[in-house]
Amino acid sequence: MLLKLVLPVGISFYTFQTLSYIIDVYCGRLAAEPNLAIYALYVSFFPQLVAGPIERATNLLPQFRTHHTFCYKTAVKSGKLILWGMLKKICIADVLAAPVDIVFGNIRAYTGPSIVLAAVFFAFQIYCDFSAYSDIAVGSAGLLGIRLMKNFDCPYFAVSIQDFWRRWHISLSTWLRDYLYIPLGGSRKGRGRKYFNLMLTFGVSGLWHGANWTFMFWGLLNGFFQVIGDITHCWRENLRRRLGLRETSLVVRLIKWGMTFCLICFSWIFFRANFLSDAWYAVAHLFSGWNIEGIWTAFMILGQWKRILLLLTALTLLLVYDGMEAYGVSLWDWLSQRPRFVRWGVYYLLLAAVFVMFLYTNGGYGDAIQFIYFQF
């Protein structure tokens, strides 16, 4: 008999959060919290309860014991972060959801151009969807005077798979590093053990997302990419030196970025596919149908011209924002130095964009598109 169990929302997030508390207390890195109310607040703190970031007790518990007063600058910064999260969710993630669902919902009806387009779109959909929730959570906590950790750091500007995982879902990747990879021995017990630890850690990461072979394969694939990257590192460095290219040169960085982005988009196929057989079909047909008919079919999936124009504008803004962040420049700090009418003009324009794109998504007609990570 199949048991139909109702699982608590966000169970995987606060399970890891409470596990880190128990392990830190057991290992003597943290004193047990004597106040049950403060501990309960740590477990159930509402901004990040459902989809993270996965916070450490060493960060949150001291803040809960501190008296907080209203700070105008912090409130303004938090409000901007919430606005930016709403823009990413409504103007990009929710708009990309439609073409992605069309292709992956019936993957065997499409060829290479449509599959590639859907994989790239999903890469931006899941980033904008998940990072949007993190931004809103961090901003909401900031309004209460609580500082949460940064969960994303311009991941699609990464120049290696390892660099990507330093920037993507930072609270989970650092949790797995500190409580699984390092206790297993990390890289201290030889290369063979290091590679085993990597594969096991990423396998657990896949299982954390769900008991589905697609998630497991996605996790193992990312671990495999890191193992191959480590094995071929010396060979790639020798090739670079023979070609007379500096490691910091623009050409080398563009090549590394391009290869990393392609590998990440390739791995997202397995994450998004409904079944592993669908993912293998997509991989087997990546290079099929690259003709006028196949390209036109992919183009038609995008829908109306107005939606395409608004989506391209939003994606351009995202790349500009993340590009500035990657080089240590904040768009909000840059705006704060502009005249007041410019600043408020931009704020109202962003609010208008959120409203307009909301009308172009299901959310404008009563069926809100929930955050992807609500299912984990």
Protein backbone atom coordinates (compact mmCIF):
# COMPACT_ATOMS: atom_id res chain seq x y z
CA MET A 1 0.00 0.00 0.00
CA LEU A 2 1.37 3.40 -1.00
CA LEU A 3 1.61 5.82 1.93
CA LYS A 4 0.62 9.36 1.07
CA LEU A 5 2.60 11.43 3.52
CA VAL A 6 2.43 15.20 3.82
CA LEU A 7 5.98 16.44 4.32
CA PRO A 8 6.68 19.79 5.99
CA VAL A 9 7.59 22.61 3.59
CA GLY A 10 11.33 23.25 3.45
CA ILE A 11 12.19 20.07 5.37
CA SER A 12 15.53 19.53 3.58
CA PHE A 13 16.70 23.05 4.45
CA TYR A 14 16.00 23.13 8.15
CA THR A 15 17.09 19.49 8.52
CA PHE A 16 20.57 20.48 7.35
CA GLN A 17 20.41 23.61 9.51
CA THR A 18 19.60 21.66 12.68
CA LEU A 19 22.15 18.98 11.77
CA SER A 20 24.90 21.61 11.62
CA TYR A 21 23.87 22.83 15.10
CA ILE A 22 23.92 19.30 16.56
CA ILE A 23 27.30 18.46 14.97
CA ASP A 24 28.88 21.76 16.07
CA VAL A 25 27.67 21.24 19.65
CA TYR A 26 28.85 17.61 19.67
CA CYS A 27 32.30 18.56 18.33
CA GLY A 28 32.65 21.40 20.85
CA ARG A 29 32.67 24.17 18.26
CA LEU A 30 29.52 25.69 19.74
CA ALA A 31 27.94 25.79 23.19
CA ALA A 32 24.42 24.36 23.41
CA GLU A 33 21.72 27.04 23.36
CA PRO A 34 20.05 27.11 26.82
CA ASN A 35 17.06 29.20 25.71
CA LEU A 36 14.44 27.04 23.99
CA ALA A 37 12.72 30.07 22.43
CA ILE A 38 15.94 31.27 20.78
CA TYR A 39 16.69 27.76 19.52
CA ALA A 40 13.15 27.47 18.13
CA LEU A 41 13.61 30.83 16.40
CA TYR A 42 16.86 29.56 14.86
CA VAL A 43 15.08 26.50 13.45
CA SER A 44 11.96 28.35 12.26
CA PHE A 45 13.23 31.80 11.28
CA PHE A 46 10.64 32.56 8.58
CA PRO A 47 12.59 34.48 5.87
CA GLN A 48 14.88 31.54 5.07
CA LEU A 49 12.83 28.67 6.44
CA VAL A 50 11.38 27.38 3.16
CA ALA A 51 14.33 27.57 0.73
CA GLY A 52 17.40 28.80 2.59
CA PRO A 53 20.06 30.03 2.84
CA ILE A 54 21.05 27.16 5.14
CA GLU A 55 22.35 29.19 8.05
CA ARG A 56 24.84 28.19 10.74
CA ALA A 57 24.05 28.54 14.41
CA THR A 58 27.32 30.43 14.91
CA ASN A 59 25.92 33.22 12.73
CA LEU A 60 22.26 33.36 13.74
CA LEU A 61 22.17 32.55 17.46
CA PRO A 62 24.34 35.53 18.55
CA GLN A 63 22.15 37.86 16.46
CA PHE A 64 18.99 36.57 18.14
CA ARG A 65 20.44 37.43 21.54
CA THR A 66 21.30 40.98 20.44
CA HIS A 67 18.99 43.98 20.77
CA HIS A 68 18.31 45.49 17.32
CA THR A 69 17.30 49.05 16.49
CA PHE A 70 15.95 50.39 13.23
CA CYS A 71 18.63 51.45 10.74
CA TYR A 72 17.46 53.48 7.75
CA LYS A 73 20.45 52.56 5.54
CA THR A 74 20.05 48.86 6.24
CA ALA A 75 16.31 49.06 5.55
CA VAL A 76 16.88 50.83 2.22
CA LYS A 77 19.55 48.29 1.22
CA SER A 78 17.24 45.42 2.18
CA GLY A 79 14.34 46.95 0.24
CA LYS A 80 16.48 47.23 -2.89
CA LEU A 81 17.52 43.59 -2.52
CA ILE A 82 13.88 42.52 -2.23
CA LEU A 83 13.01 44.57 -5.34
CA TRP A 84 15.88 42.97 -7.27
CA GLY A 85 14.73 39.50 -6.17
CA MET A 86 11.18 40.22 -7.33
CA LEU A 87 12.48 41.43 -10.69
CA LYS A 88 14.54 38.26 -11.21
CA LYS A 89 11.64 36.01 -10.22
CA ILE A 90 8.80 37.70 -12.11
CA CYS A 91 10.60 39.31 -15.06
CA ILE A 92 12.97 36.47 -15.90
CA ALA A 93 12.35 33.15 -14.12
CA ASP A 94 8.57 33.08 -14.54
CA VAL A 95 8.77 34.18 -18.17
CA LEU A 96 11.37 31.52 -19.00
CA ALA A 97 9.27 28.85 -17.26
CA ALA A 98 6.79 28.64 -20.17
CA PRO A 99 9.20 27.71 -23.02
CA VAL A 100 11.23 25.46 -20.70
CA ASP A 101 8.11 23.55 -19.62
CA ILE A 102 6.95 23.22 -23.24
CA VAL A 103 10.18 21.55 -24.38
CA PHE A 104 10.94 19.40 -21.33
CA GLY A 105 7.28 18.44 -21.01
CA ASN A 106 7.48 16.67 -24.39
CA ILE A 107 11.20 16.45 -25.07
CA ARG A 108 10.90 13.72 -27.72
CA ALA A 109 9.00 16.07 -30.02
CA TYR A 110 11.99 18.43 -30.36
CA THR A 111 15.43 18.47 -31.90
CA GLY A 112 18.79 20.07 -31.13
CA PRO A 113 17.99 23.81 -31.43
CA SER A 114 14.94 23.60 -29.17
CA ILE A 115 16.72 21.38 -26.62
CA VAL A 116 19.77 23.68 -26.48
CA LEU A 117 17.54 26.74 -26.14
CA ALA A 118 15.51 25.09 -23.35
CA ALA A 119 18.68 24.03 -21.49
CA VAL A 120 20.13 27.57 -21.62
CA PHE A 121 16.79 29.06 -20.63
CA PHE A 122 16.51 26.67 -17.70
CA ALA A 123 20.01 27.65 -16.58
CA PHE A 124 18.83 31.24 -16.23
CA GLN A 125 15.39 30.24 -14.94
CA ILE A 126 16.68 28.22 -12.00
CA TYR A 127 19.35 30.83 -11.20
CA CYS A 128 16.92 33.74 -11.24
CA ASP A 129 14.26 31.73 -9.41
CA PHE A 130 16.47 30.44 -6.60
CA SER A 131 18.69 33.50 -6.19
CA ALA A 132 15.53 35.63 -6.18
CA TYR A 133 14.21 33.74 -3.17
CA SER A 134 17.60 34.11 -1.46
CA ASP A 135 17.65 37.86 -2.16
CA ILE A 136 14.12 38.27 -0.81
CA ALA A 137 15.00 36.18 2.26
CA VAL A 138 18.19 38.14 2.94
CA GLY A 139 16.34 41.43 2.38
CA SER A 140 13.42 40.44 4.63
CA ALA A 141 15.80 39.39 7.40
CA GLY A 142 17.71 42.66 6.92
CA LEU A 143 14.54 44.64 7.59
CA LEU A 144 14.46 42.89 10.98
CA GLY A 145 18.12 43.66 11.60
CA ILE A 146 19.28 40.07 10.99
CA ARG A 147 22.16 39.41 8.61
CA LEU A 148 21.96 36.23 6.51
CA MET A 149 24.78 34.84 4.41
CA LYS A 150 25.12 35.53 0.70
CA ASN A 151 23.91 32.46 -1.21
CA PHE A 152 24.93 33.32 -4.80
CA ASP A 153 27.95 35.15 -6.17
CA CYS A 154 27.55 35.64 -9.94
CA PRO A 155 27.81 31.87 -10.68
CA TYR A 156 27.61 32.18 -14.46
CA PHE A 157 30.80 34.22 -14.47
CA ALA A 158 32.69 31.19 -13.11
CA VAL A 159 35.74 29.99 -15.04
CA SER A 160 35.71 26.38 -13.81
CA ILE A 161 33.24 23.90 -12.32
CA GLN A 162 35.00 24.25 -8.97
CA ASP A 163 34.66 28.03 -9.22
CA PHE A 164 30.98 27.62 -10.10
CA TRP A 165 30.32 25.65 -6.92
CA ARG A 166 32.04 28.35 -4.88
CA ARG A 167 29.45 30.76 -6.26
CA TRP A 168 26.28 28.61 -6.54
CA HIS A 169 24.05 27.81 -3.54
CA ILE A 170 26.95 28.73 -1.28
CA SER A 171 25.15 27.74 1.92
CA LEU A 172 24.67 24.15 0.67
CA SER A 173 28.08 23.73 -0.98
CA THR A 174 29.90 24.99 2.12
CA TRP A 175 27.69 22.79 4.34
CA LEU A 176 28.60 19.69 2.32
CA ARG A 177 32.25 20.73 2.35
CA ASP A 178 32.43 21.29 6.11
CA TYR A 179 30.23 18.41 7.30
CA LEU A 180 30.86 15.72 4.68
CA TYR A 181 33.83 16.29 2.35
CA ILE A 182 36.37 17.42 4.97
CA PRO A 183 35.37 14.82 7.63
CA LEU A 184 35.78 12.12 4.96
CA GLY A 185 39.39 13.25 4.54
CA GLY A 186 38.99 15.90 1.88
CA SER A 187 42.11 16.01 -0.27
CA ARG A 188 44.48 14.98 2.55
CA LYS A 189 44.59 11.24 1.86
CA GLY A 190 45.78 11.01 -1.72
CA ARG A 191 44.22 11.72 -5.09
CA GLY A 192 42.19 8.52 -5.25
CA ARG A 193 40.52 9.20 -1.91
CA LYS A 194 40.03 12.85 -2.89
CA TYR A 195 38.17 11.85 -6.05
CA PHE A 196 36.05 9.35 -4.12
CA ASN A 197 35.16 12.02 -1.57
CA LEU A 198 34.22 14.44 -4.35
CA MET A 199 31.96 11.93 -6.08
CA LEU A 200 30.31 10.92 -2.81
CA THR A 201 29.74 14.55 -1.78
CA PHE A 202 28.15 15.47 -5.09
CA GLY A 203 26.12 12.26 -5.06
CA VAL A 204 24.69 13.33 -1.70
CA SER A 205 24.03 16.78 -3.17
CA GLY A 206 21.99 15.14 -5.92
CA LEU A 207 20.02 13.00 -3.45
CA TRP A 208 19.36 16.08 -1.31
CA HIS A 209 17.40 17.54 -4.22
CA GLY A 210 15.16 14.49 -4.50
CA ALA A 211 14.95 10.69 -4.70
CA ASN A 212 15.11 10.65 -8.48
CA TRP A 213 17.78 9.24 -10.79
CA THR A 214 17.89 12.55 -12.67
CA PHE A 215 19.07 14.41 -9.55
CA MET A 216 21.54 11.67 -8.64
CA PHE A 217 23.07 11.69 -12.12
CA TRP A 218 23.20 15.50 -12.10
CA GLY A 219 25.14 15.46 -8.82
CA LEU A 220 27.55 12.72 -9.94
CA LEU A 221 28.07 14.50 -13.27
CA ASN A 222 29.18 17.67 -11.50
CA GLY A 223 31.53 15.62 -9.33
CA PHE A 224 32.90 13.90 -12.45
CA PHE A 225 33.52 17.29 -14.09
CA GLN A 226 35.60 18.33 -11.07
CA VAL A 227 37.58 15.08 -11.07
CA ILE A 228 38.36 15.37 -14.80
CA GLY A 229 39.26 19.04 -14.31
CA ASP A 230 41.75 18.14 -11.58
CA ILE A 231 43.27 15.27 -13.61
CA THR A 232 43.74 17.40 -16.74
CA HIS A 233 44.87 20.57 -14.92
CA CYS A 234 48.61 20.09 -15.56
CA TRP A 235 48.03 19.14 -19.21
CA ARG A 236 45.90 22.26 -19.77
CA GLU A 237 48.45 24.49 -18.07
CA ASN A 238 51.27 23.09 -20.24
CA LEU A 239 49.18 23.69 -23.36
CA ARG A 240 48.51 27.28 -22.29
CA ARG A 241 52.22 27.96 -21.73
CA ARG A 242 53.16 26.43 -25.09
CA LEU A 243 50.67 28.71 -26.79
CA GLY A 244 52.23 31.67 -25.01
CA LEU A 245 49.00 32.71 -23.30
CA ARG A 246 48.91 34.31 -19.85
CA GLU A 247 46.52 32.78 -17.33
CA THR A 248 44.92 36.17 -16.73
CA SER A 249 44.56 37.02 -20.43
CA LEU A 250 41.09 37.75 -21.82
CA VAL A 251 41.32 34.89 -24.34
CA VAL A 252 42.06 32.30 -21.64
CA ARG A 253 39.31 33.61 -19.37
CA LEU A 254 36.77 33.59 -22.21
CA ILE A 255 37.67 30.01 -23.14
CA LYS A 256 37.39 28.88 -19.51
CA TRP A 257 34.12 30.74 -19.05
CA GLY A 258 32.64 29.34 -22.27
CA MET A 259 33.58 25.75 -21.45
CA THR A 260 32.27 26.07 -17.89
CA PHE A 261 28.96 27.57 -19.00
CA CYS A 262 28.46 24.83 -21.61
CA LEU A 263 29.18 22.06 -19.10
CA ILE A 264 26.83 23.58 -16.53
CA CYS A 265 24.03 23.93 -19.10
CA PHE A 266 24.66 20.32 -20.17
CA SER A 267 24.29 19.14 -16.56
CA TRP A 268 21.07 21.12 -16.13
CA ILE A 269 19.45 18.87 -18.77
CA PHE A 270 19.59 15.97 -16.30
CA PHE A 271 18.35 18.16 -13.43
CA ARG A 272 15.32 19.42 -15.36
CA ALA A 273 14.35 16.27 -17.27
CA ASN A 274 11.29 14.46 -15.93
CA PHE A 275 12.94 11.07 -16.42
CA LEU A 276 16.49 9.88 -17.00
CA SER A 277 15.40 8.41 -20.35
CA ASP A 278 14.23 11.89 -21.42
CA ALA A 279 17.62 13.34 -20.48
CA TRP A 280 19.44 10.70 -22.54
CA TYR A 281 17.15 11.45 -25.48
CA ALA A 282 17.98 15.14 -25.19
CA VAL A 283 21.73 14.45 -25.06
CA ALA A 284 21.52 12.07 -28.05
CA HIS A 285 19.68 14.69 -30.14
CA LEU A 286 21.66 17.81 -29.23
CA PHE A 287 23.24 17.92 -32.69
CA SER A 288 20.19 16.91 -34.71
CA GLY A 289 17.80 19.18 -36.56
CA TRP A 290 20.15 22.11 -37.02
CA ASN A 291 18.38 23.36 -40.12
CA ILE A 292 15.95 26.15 -40.93
CA GLU A 293 12.94 24.15 -39.76
CA GLY A 294 14.55 23.16 -36.44
CA ILE A 295 15.77 26.68 -35.70
CA TRP A 296 12.36 28.16 -36.60
CA THR A 297 10.64 25.67 -34.26
CA ALA A 298 12.94 26.77 -31.43
CA PHE A 299 12.24 30.42 -32.20
CA MET A 300 8.46 29.88 -32.18
CA ILE A 301 8.61 28.45 -28.66
CA LEU A 302 9.56 31.90 -27.36
CA GLY A 303 6.12 33.29 -28.11
CA GLN A 304 5.15 36.92 -28.67
CA TRP A 305 7.59 39.62 -29.76
CA LYS A 306 6.68 41.81 -26.78
CA ARG A 307 7.59 39.04 -24.38
CA ILE A 308 10.86 38.38 -26.22
CA LEU A 309 11.82 42.08 -26.11
CA LEU A 310 11.01 42.43 -22.40
CA LEU A 311 12.82 39.18 -21.60
CA LEU A 312 15.96 40.24 -23.49
CA THR A 313 15.91 43.58 -21.66
CA ALA A 314 15.63 41.85 -18.29
CA LEU A 315 18.41 39.35 -19.14
CA THR A 316 20.67 42.21 -20.26
CA LEU A 317 20.04 43.99 -16.96
CA LEU A 318 20.83 40.75 -15.10
CA LEU A 319 24.15 40.33 -16.92
CA VAL A 320 25.07 43.97 -16.30
CA TYR A 321 24.18 43.66 -12.61
CA ASP A 322 26.11 40.40 -12.13
CA GLY A 323 29.00 41.66 -14.26
CA MET A 324 29.36 44.72 -12.04
CA GLU A 325 29.12 42.54 -8.92
CA ALA A 326 31.78 40.17 -10.30
CA TYR A 327 34.19 43.10 -10.56
CA GLY A 328 33.34 44.41 -7.11
CA VAL A 329 31.04 47.23 -8.25
CA SER A 330 27.50 47.47 -6.87
CA LEU A 331 24.77 48.80 -9.14
CA TRP A 332 22.99 50.22 -6.09
CA ASP A 333 26.14 52.04 -4.91
CA TRP A 334 26.58 53.43 -8.42
CA LEU A 335 22.95 54.61 -8.43
CA SER A 336 23.33 56.22 -5.00
CA GLN A 337 25.87 58.61 -6.52
CA ARG A 338 23.48 59.73 -9.25
CA PRO A 339 20.98 62.63 -8.94
CA ARG A 340 17.77 61.88 -7.07
CA PHE A 341 15.54 62.01 -10.16
CA VAL A 342 17.79 59.41 -11.85
CA ARG A 343 17.73 57.09 -8.82
CA TRP A 344 14.00 57.22 -8.34
CA GLY A 345 13.42 57.01 -12.07
CA VAL A 346 15.30 53.70 -12.11
CA TYR A 347 13.43 52.40 -9.05
CA TYR A 348 10.04 53.20 -10.55
CA LEU A 349 11.12 51.70 -13.88
CA LEU A 350 12.07 48.44 -12.14
CA LEU A 351 8.75 48.39 -10.27
CA ALA A 352 6.90 48.99 -13.51
CA ALA A 353 8.83 46.15 -15.17
CA VAL A 354 7.83 43.78 -12.35
CA PHE A 355 4.18 44.79 -12.73
CA VAL A 356 4.13 44.51 -16.53
CA MET A 357 5.87 41.12 -16.60
CA PHE A 358 3.56 39.90 -13.86
CA LEU A 359 0.68 40.44 -16.27
CA TYR A 360 2.49 38.37 -18.90
CA THR A 361 2.87 35.34 -16.60
CA ASN A 362 0.35 33.01 -15.03
CA GLY A 363 0.68 34.94 -11.81
CA GLY A 364 -1.24 37.80 -13.35
CA TYR A 365 -4.28 35.58 -13.75
CA GLY A 366 -4.43 33.90 -10.37
CA ASP A 367 -2.08 30.91 -10.79
CA ALA A 368 1.19 32.04 -9.26
CA ILE A 369 4.33 30.19 -10.31
CA GLN A 370 5.93 28.92 -7.12
CA PHE A 371 9.66 28.93 -6.48
CA ILE A 372 11.43 25.86 -7.88
CA TYR A 373 13.22 25.05 -4.63
CA PHE A 374 9.97 24.85 -2.68
CA GLN A 375 9.85 21.20 -3.77
CA PHE A 376 13.16 20.28 -2.10
